[in-house]
Protein backbone atom coordinates (compact mmCIF):
# COMPACT_ATOMS: atom_id res chain seq x y z
CA MET A 1 -80.20 -22.21 -58.79
CA THR A 2 -80.13 -18.50 -57.56
CA LYS A 3 -83.05 -17.42 -55.06
CA HIS A 4 -84.58 -14.17 -56.25
CA ASP A 5 -86.30 -11.56 -54.08
CA PRO A 6 -90.31 -11.67 -55.10
CA LEU A 7 -90.27 -7.90 -55.18
CA ARG A 8 -87.08 -7.84 -57.82
CA PRO A 9 -88.10 -8.44 -60.89
CA VAL A 10 -85.79 -11.29 -63.09
CA ARG A 11 -83.95 -8.53 -65.63
CA ASP A 12 -83.51 -10.87 -68.70
CA LEU A 13 -87.16 -12.03 -68.68
CA SER A 14 -88.66 -9.46 -70.63
CA ARG A 15 -85.91 -9.46 -73.11
CA ARG A 16 -85.92 -13.29 -73.88
CA ARG A 17 -87.44 -13.87 -77.75
CA LEU A 18 -87.51 -9.79 -78.28
CA LEU A 19 -84.70 -9.95 -80.51
CA PHE A 20 -86.74 -10.94 -83.47
CA GLY A 21 -87.74 -8.46 -86.17
CA THR A 22 -85.16 -5.32 -85.20
CA ALA A 23 -83.12 -5.79 -88.39
CA ALA A 24 -86.38 -4.07 -89.58
CA VAL A 25 -85.28 -0.72 -88.86
CA GLY A 26 -82.25 -0.13 -90.41
CA ALA A 27 -79.42 1.88 -88.39
CA GLY A 28 -79.41 5.78 -88.92
CA ALA A 29 -81.59 5.23 -92.26
CA LEU A 30 -85.10 6.33 -92.18
CA LEU A 31 -86.21 4.40 -94.68
CA THR A 32 -85.06 0.37 -95.77
CA ALA A 33 -86.46 -1.57 -98.89
CA CYS A 34 -86.16 -4.64 -99.67
CA THR A 35 -87.08 -6.75 -102.44
CA SER A 36 -89.68 -9.93 -102.15
CA ASN A 37 -88.81 -13.42 -102.52
CA GLU A 38 -85.30 -12.61 -100.78
CA ALA A 39 -85.41 -15.57 -98.38
CA ALA A 40 -88.20 -18.15 -98.10
CA PRO A 41 -90.12 -18.19 -94.48
CA ASN A 42 -88.84 -19.51 -91.15
CA ALA A 43 -91.11 -21.78 -88.50
CA ASN A 44 -91.16 -18.67 -86.36
CA GLU A 45 -93.20 -16.79 -89.37
CA GLN A 46 -96.88 -17.23 -89.90
CA VAL A 47 -97.34 -16.76 -93.57
CA LYS A 48 -99.88 -17.51 -96.35
CA GLU A 49 -97.84 -18.77 -99.30
CA ALA A 50 -98.73 -18.15 -103.18
CA ASP A 51 -100.84 -20.40 -104.68
CA ALA A 52 -102.36 -19.40 -107.78
CA GLY A 53 -104.04 -22.77 -108.49
CA ALA A 54 -105.96 -22.63 -105.29
CA ASN A 55 -106.16 -18.67 -105.50
CA PRO A 56 -106.13 -16.79 -108.26
CA ASN A 57 -105.28 -13.56 -106.52
CA SER A 58 -101.81 -15.41 -105.94
CA SER A 59 -101.38 -14.60 -109.36
CA PRO A 60 -98.26 -11.63 -109.80
CA GLY A 61 -99.97 -7.93 -110.74
CA LYS A 62 -99.19 -4.90 -110.39
CA ARG A 63 -96.15 -3.68 -108.54
CA VAL A 64 -96.96 -2.55 -105.26
CA VAL A 65 -95.19 0.12 -102.74
CA ILE A 66 -95.89 -1.01 -99.03
CA GLY A 67 -95.28 1.11 -96.61
CA PHE A 68 -94.57 -0.15 -92.93
CA SER A 69 -94.02 0.76 -89.23
CA ALA A 70 -94.57 -0.69 -85.69
CA PRO A 71 -93.31 0.54 -82.71
CA ALA A 72 -90.14 -1.18 -81.39
CA ALA A 73 -89.30 -5.19 -80.82
CA ASP A 74 -89.25 -4.27 -77.15
CA HIS A 75 -92.14 -7.30 -76.57
CA GLY A 76 -92.17 -11.36 -78.34
CA TRP A 77 -95.69 -10.38 -79.99
CA LEU A 78 -94.52 -7.24 -81.58
CA ALA A 79 -91.15 -8.50 -83.09
CA ALA A 80 -93.95 -11.69 -84.48
CA ILE A 81 -96.28 -8.55 -86.20
CA THR A 82 -92.76 -7.07 -87.92
CA ARG A 83 -91.35 -10.72 -88.67
CA ASN A 84 -94.44 -11.92 -89.92
CA ALA A 85 -95.09 -8.68 -92.25
CA GLU A 86 -91.74 -8.87 -93.65
CA ALA A 87 -92.20 -12.72 -94.32
CA GLN A 88 -95.52 -12.25 -95.88
CA ALA A 89 -93.99 -9.77 -98.37
CA LYS A 90 -91.64 -11.62 -99.00
CA VAL A 91 -93.87 -14.28 -100.69
CA TYR A 92 -95.45 -12.11 -103.48
CA SER A 93 -92.86 -11.10 -106.72
CA ASP A 94 -94.80 -8.17 -107.09
CA VAL A 95 -94.63 -6.40 -103.54
CA GLU A 96 -91.81 -3.98 -102.35
CA PHE A 97 -91.52 -3.36 -98.78
CA ARG A 98 -90.27 -0.57 -96.68
CA THR A 99 -89.66 -0.31 -93.30
CA VAL A 100 -89.88 3.35 -91.51
CA GLN A 101 -88.92 3.96 -87.97
CA ALA A 102 -91.66 4.06 -85.46
CA GLY A 103 -89.32 5.83 -83.05
CA ALA A 104 -89.39 5.90 -79.38
CA ASP A 105 -92.99 7.67 -78.94
CA ALA A 106 -96.86 8.35 -80.84
CA ALA A 107 -94.77 11.92 -81.65
CA ALA A 108 -91.87 9.98 -83.34
CA GLN A 109 -93.98 7.30 -85.24
CA ARG A 110 -96.13 10.36 -86.76
CA ALA A 111 -92.90 12.52 -87.92
CA ALA A 112 -91.44 8.87 -89.73
CA LEU A 113 -95.09 8.71 -91.02
CA SER A 114 -95.30 12.09 -92.77
CA THR A 115 -92.25 11.21 -94.49
CA LEU A 116 -92.98 7.89 -95.57
CA ILE A 117 -96.37 9.86 -96.78
CA SER A 118 -94.50 12.50 -98.84
CA GLN A 119 -93.00 8.86 -100.93
CA LYS A 120 -96.37 8.34 -102.12
CA PRO A 121 -96.45 4.66 -101.19
CA ASP A 122 -99.30 2.54 -102.69
CA VAL A 123 -100.56 1.22 -99.23
CA ILE A 124 -99.09 2.03 -95.71
CA VAL A 125 -99.40 -0.81 -93.27
CA MET A 126 -98.75 0.71 -89.05
CA LEU A 127 -99.69 -0.63 -85.87
CA PRO A 128 -99.31 2.79 -84.04
CA HIS A 129 -97.93 3.38 -80.81
CA ASP A 130 -101.38 4.51 -79.47
CA GLY A 131 -104.60 4.64 -82.20
CA LYS A 132 -105.75 7.76 -80.87
CA GLU A 133 -102.48 9.56 -81.31
CA LEU A 134 -101.71 8.61 -84.60
CA ASN A 135 -104.94 8.78 -86.07
CA ALA A 136 -103.81 12.26 -87.56
CA ALA A 137 -100.97 10.43 -89.79
CA GLY A 138 -103.40 7.95 -90.84
CA LEU A 139 -106.22 11.38 -91.95
CA GLU A 140 -103.09 12.80 -93.47
CA ALA A 141 -102.57 9.54 -95.42
CA MET A 142 -105.81 8.98 -97.05
CA LYS A 143 -105.93 12.55 -97.78
CA ALA A 144 -103.10 12.26 -99.40
CA GLY A 145 -104.14 8.94 -101.76
CA VAL A 146 -102.52 6.29 -99.67
CA PRO A 147 -104.64 4.17 -98.27
CA VAL A 148 -103.80 2.91 -94.81
CA VAL A 149 -104.23 -0.67 -93.25
CA ASN A 150 -104.12 0.32 -89.60
CA LEU A 151 -102.78 -2.31 -87.11
CA ASP A 152 -104.01 -4.19 -83.82
CA ARG A 153 -104.76 -0.52 -81.96
CA ALA A 154 -107.88 1.43 -83.28
CA PHE A 155 -107.98 4.69 -85.14
CA PRO A 156 -111.00 6.30 -83.28
CA ASP A 157 -111.76 8.10 -87.00
CA ALA A 158 -112.89 5.62 -89.31
CA LEU A 159 -111.83 8.23 -92.12
CA ALA A 160 -108.04 7.51 -90.77
CA TYR A 161 -107.99 4.20 -92.57
CA ARG A 162 -108.87 2.32 -95.58
CA LEU A 163 -108.50 -1.26 -93.48
CA GLN A 164 -108.38 -2.44 -89.62
CA ILE A 165 -107.31 -5.65 -88.20
CA LYS A 166 -107.47 -6.24 -85.14
CA GLY A 167 -108.10 -9.30 -82.49
CA ASP A 168 -111.00 -9.29 -80.84
CA ASN A 169 -110.13 -8.13 -77.60
CA TYR A 170 -113.28 -8.23 -75.45
CA GLY A 171 -113.76 -11.57 -77.33
CA MET A 172 -110.38 -12.65 -75.50
CA GLY A 173 -111.99 -11.81 -72.13
CA VAL A 174 -114.92 -13.43 -72.62
CA ALA A 175 -113.43 -16.63 -73.45
CA ALA A 176 -110.56 -16.72 -70.74
CA ALA A 177 -113.72 -16.38 -68.74
CA ARG A 178 -115.81 -18.65 -70.07
CA TYR A 179 -113.30 -21.11 -69.55
CA ILE A 180 -112.66 -20.48 -66.08
CA GLY A 181 -116.18 -20.51 -65.57
CA GLU A 182 -116.78 -24.49 -66.92
CA GLN A 183 -113.47 -25.50 -65.06
CA MET A 184 -115.23 -23.88 -61.33
CA LYS A 185 -118.30 -25.47 -62.06
CA ALA A 186 -116.80 -28.91 -62.94
CA LYS A 187 -115.12 -28.26 -60.24
CA GLY A 188 -118.43 -27.76 -57.67
CA ILE A 189 -116.80 -24.40 -56.84
CA ALA A 190 -119.42 -21.64 -56.37
CA ASN A 191 -117.83 -18.42 -54.67
CA PRO A 192 -113.89 -19.06 -56.48
CA VAL A 193 -111.18 -16.11 -56.24
CA ILE A 194 -110.00 -15.08 -59.51
CA GLY A 195 -107.53 -12.75 -60.07
CA GLU A 196 -106.76 -10.78 -62.80
CA ILE A 197 -103.29 -9.26 -64.51
CA ALA A 198 -103.81 -6.92 -67.26
CA GLY A 199 -101.85 -5.05 -69.40
CA MET A 200 -101.39 -1.73 -70.04
CA ASP A 201 -104.44 0.10 -68.31
CA GLU A 202 -104.38 3.04 -70.58
CA LEU A 203 -105.06 1.54 -74.20
CA GLU A 204 -108.05 0.82 -74.95
CA LEU A 205 -107.79 -3.15 -75.74
CA THR A 206 -106.76 -3.74 -72.09
CA GLN A 207 -109.90 -1.85 -71.15
CA GLU A 208 -111.92 -3.99 -73.40
CA ARG A 209 -110.07 -7.45 -72.32
CA SER A 210 -111.39 -6.16 -68.77
CA ALA A 211 -115.26 -5.63 -69.83
CA GLY A 212 -115.65 -9.17 -71.86
CA PHE A 213 -113.73 -10.61 -69.39
CA ALA A 214 -116.47 -9.29 -66.03
CA ALA A 215 -119.29 -9.56 -68.23
CA GLU A 216 -118.30 -13.19 -68.95
CA LEU A 217 -117.84 -13.85 -65.12
CA ALA A 218 -121.34 -12.21 -64.74
CA VAL A 219 -123.13 -15.01 -66.28
CA TYR A 220 -121.83 -18.07 -63.84
CA GLY A 221 -122.23 -15.23 -61.16
CA PHE A 222 -118.69 -15.15 -60.28
CA LYS A 223 -116.31 -11.56 -60.50
CA VAL A 224 -112.83 -10.92 -60.17
CA LYS A 225 -111.66 -10.49 -56.26
CA ASN A 226 -108.10 -9.08 -57.16
CA ARG A 227 -106.66 -6.65 -60.20
CA ARG A 228 -103.77 -6.02 -61.28
CA ALA A 229 -102.33 -4.12 -64.47
CA ALA A 230 -98.79 -4.38 -65.63
CA ARG A 231 -97.28 -3.87 -68.73
CA PHE A 232 -96.73 -5.95 -71.10
CA THR A 233 -93.78 -7.21 -69.81
CA ALA A 234 -92.31 -10.58 -68.26
CA ASP A 235 -90.71 -7.86 -65.12
CA SER A 236 -94.10 -6.25 -64.59
CA GLY A 237 -95.60 -9.78 -64.91
CA GLN A 238 -93.14 -10.64 -62.36
CA VAL A 239 -93.81 -7.68 -59.75
CA GLU A 240 -97.83 -7.88 -60.22
CA ALA A 241 -98.03 -11.59 -60.17
CA SER A 242 -96.23 -11.28 -56.71
CA GLN A 243 -97.96 -8.46 -55.15
CA LEU A 244 -101.54 -10.69 -56.31
CA LEU A 245 -100.00 -13.70 -54.63
CA ARG A 246 -98.83 -11.80 -51.69
CA ALA A 247 -103.01 -10.20 -51.08
CA GLU A 248 -104.44 -13.39 -52.01
CA PRO A 249 -102.77 -16.10 -49.98
CA LYS A 250 -105.74 -18.28 -51.83
CA LEU A 251 -106.94 -18.04 -55.55
CA ASP A 252 -109.19 -20.56 -57.79
CA ALA A 253 -108.47 -18.84 -61.43
CA VAL A 254 -105.93 -16.24 -62.48
CA TRP A 255 -105.98 -14.52 -66.06
CA ASN A 256 -103.30 -12.96 -67.42
CA HIS A 257 -103.76 -11.03 -70.33
CA ASP A 258 -100.98 -11.32 -72.11
CA ASP A 259 -98.09 -14.60 -72.45
CA ASP A 260 -95.42 -12.62 -72.62
CA GLN A 261 -95.88 -11.35 -69.47
CA GLY A 262 -97.16 -14.21 -67.97
CA ILE A 263 -93.11 -15.56 -68.38
CA GLY A 264 -93.00 -13.23 -65.17
CA VAL A 265 -96.14 -14.33 -63.57
CA LEU A 266 -95.30 -17.88 -63.87
CA ALA A 267 -91.78 -17.31 -62.31
CA ALA A 268 -93.45 -15.51 -59.37
CA ILE A 269 -95.87 -18.29 -58.89
CA GLN A 270 -93.37 -20.81 -59.07
CA GLN A 271 -91.22 -18.50 -56.68
CA ALA A 272 -94.22 -18.17 -54.36
CA ASN A 273 -94.32 -22.04 -54.72
CA ARG A 274 -97.83 -21.73 -55.08
CA SER A 275 -100.06 -24.80 -57.58
CA GLU A 276 -103.38 -24.16 -56.09
CA PHE A 277 -105.09 -22.61 -58.88
CA ILE A 278 -105.55 -22.41 -62.31
CA MET A 279 -104.12 -19.78 -64.79
CA VAL A 280 -105.12 -18.53 -68.57
CA GLY A 281 -102.74 -17.01 -70.66
CA GLY A 282 -103.65 -14.10 -73.48
CA ALA A 283 -102.35 -14.29 -76.73
CA GLY A 284 -100.80 -17.29 -77.64
CA SER A 285 -96.96 -17.47 -77.50
CA LYS A 286 -95.31 -20.58 -78.34
CA ALA A 287 -93.99 -21.25 -74.65
CA ALA A 288 -97.38 -20.80 -73.43
CA ILE A 289 -98.87 -23.24 -76.36
CA ASP A 290 -95.56 -25.62 -75.18
CA ALA A 291 -96.23 -25.52 -71.52
CA ILE A 292 -100.18 -25.46 -71.63
CA ALA A 293 -99.64 -29.07 -73.86
CA ALA A 294 -96.67 -30.77 -71.11
CA ASP A 295 -99.13 -30.30 -68.49
CA ASN A 296 -96.84 -29.25 -65.85
CA SER A 297 -97.90 -25.62 -64.00
CA VAL A 298 -101.18 -23.93 -63.26
CA LEU A 299 -101.35 -22.75 -67.12
CA LYS A 300 -104.10 -24.39 -68.37
CA ALA A 301 -105.36 -22.91 -71.43
CA THR A 302 -104.60 -19.66 -73.95
CA VAL A 303 -106.73 -17.02 -75.54
CA THR A 304 -105.56 -16.47 -78.96
CA TYR A 305 -104.76 -12.69 -80.20
CA SER A 306 -102.75 -13.56 -83.42
CA PRO A 307 -99.47 -11.55 -84.98
CA SER A 308 -100.37 -13.08 -87.83
CA MET A 309 -102.69 -9.88 -88.24
CA ALA A 310 -99.43 -8.54 -89.60
CA SER A 311 -99.03 -11.10 -92.81
CA SER A 312 -102.79 -10.77 -93.68
CA ALA A 313 -102.69 -6.64 -93.73
CA ILE A 314 -99.40 -7.40 -96.34
CA SER A 315 -101.59 -9.29 -98.28
CA LEU A 316 -105.14 -7.50 -97.86
CA ALA A 317 -102.69 -4.23 -98.79
CA ARG A 318 -101.36 -5.74 -101.16
CA LEU A 319 -105.04 -6.37 -103.11
CA ILE A 320 -106.12 -2.75 -102.01
CA GLY A 321 -103.01 -1.34 -103.76
CA GLN A 322 -103.86 -3.63 -107.14
CA GLY A 323 -107.54 -2.56 -106.62
CA ARG A 324 -108.85 -6.60 -106.48
CA GLY A 325 -111.01 -8.24 -103.84
CA MET A 326 -111.05 -10.92 -101.65
CA SER A 327 -111.65 -13.87 -104.13
CA ASP A 328 -113.72 -15.79 -102.19
CA LEU A 329 -116.38 -12.66 -101.20
CA VAL A 330 -118.59 -11.63 -103.79
CA GLU A 331 -117.90 -8.03 -103.22
CA LEU A 332 -115.18 -6.80 -105.91
CA GLN A 333 -112.61 -4.39 -103.36
CA VAL A 334 -111.30 -5.54 -99.43
CA PRO A 335 -113.85 -4.97 -96.85
CA LYS A 336 -113.51 -2.09 -94.12
CA GLU A 337 -112.98 -3.65 -90.78
CA ILE A 338 -111.68 -7.05 -90.30
CA THR A 339 -111.71 -8.38 -86.36
CA LEU A 340 -110.08 -12.46 -85.66
CA ALA A 341 -111.31 -14.64 -83.65
CA SER A 342 -110.34 -15.33 -79.94
CA GLU A 343 -109.90 -19.10 -80.09
CA THR A 344 -109.16 -21.15 -76.87
CA ILE A 345 -106.11 -23.31 -76.73
CA THR A 346 -106.07 -25.69 -73.95
CA LYS A 347 -104.24 -29.59 -73.97
CA GLU A 348 -106.89 -31.25 -75.76
CA ASN A 349 -105.59 -29.09 -78.98
CA ALA A 350 -102.57 -27.63 -78.55
CA SER A 351 -100.74 -29.53 -81.03
CA ALA A 352 -103.25 -28.02 -83.82
CA TYR A 353 -101.85 -24.56 -82.23
CA SER A 354 -98.24 -24.74 -81.84
CA LYS A 355 -97.80 -24.03 -85.12
CA LEU A 356 -98.99 -21.08 -84.64
CA GLY A 357 -97.86 -19.94 -81.70
CA PHE A 358 -95.19 -17.09 -82.11
């Protein structure tokens, strides 16, 4: 096995599992469309099958054109977002799914969305490069009479979306800290050395995760000793973890915000031959869940931030386009805000969550 300088990231790490979803963007074309029911979902897709017997909303209704835009799949979680959206659209015979290129940055995505808005789809589902920078695109669509379902990266203006679906970022931090706190109590460690490897610090979601983590640690009388920010990639995770490990010769616990960047974090830990601490991941990738179940590394838990939100977004966009509400609710319309709970996956419940890993 070739050894690597710990300062030099393993270049193929951030490419693993990241090729899925790139077919969503047609080469040289701004928009591509597909009709539903073209193929059955596979094991890597998180979808809700249409069952009119169990849910009357599954019955075919008015045909709905759903436009979709998300950043290119340079990250396993983002790849799953696009893959899940496409797969959920195929479940419904009354949905036409159109993807629009997000481009390399917020400005390119905004321009592409303006073209999509001019074509008047019934609903637009988008995961923006940056919620604040794409707020204007949401406002443009809503003013044009096209409802917007926003995913993950929040718009600051409530008028920029009809529905916003996101994970509980603050709750992720709380869940990770609670697991670490309880483990430290069980081991009788009164003053643990705790590390944190965050994601992109400029994103509000990263700030929320760290805030929740710090607040819950304080409940136990603990605090983060060394915090480093990576870029949600395996390469950056490896670099930051290597530096953290050199700075802290002894650790008791580490929270890594993202399981994709965790590929690099675990590589750095293995290269440093460190095993004296426990690690908690974030998001709930299949690789992380399998590693937790195997219980053969420092990774002992992960807290969920599921890309299944994209599947739910398509289902709810369909209902918005058809003027229907959620069948189990009293209200006649789909709610304005949905925040997914962050759940903790451990060795004890990993088998139940395995099918939901991305």
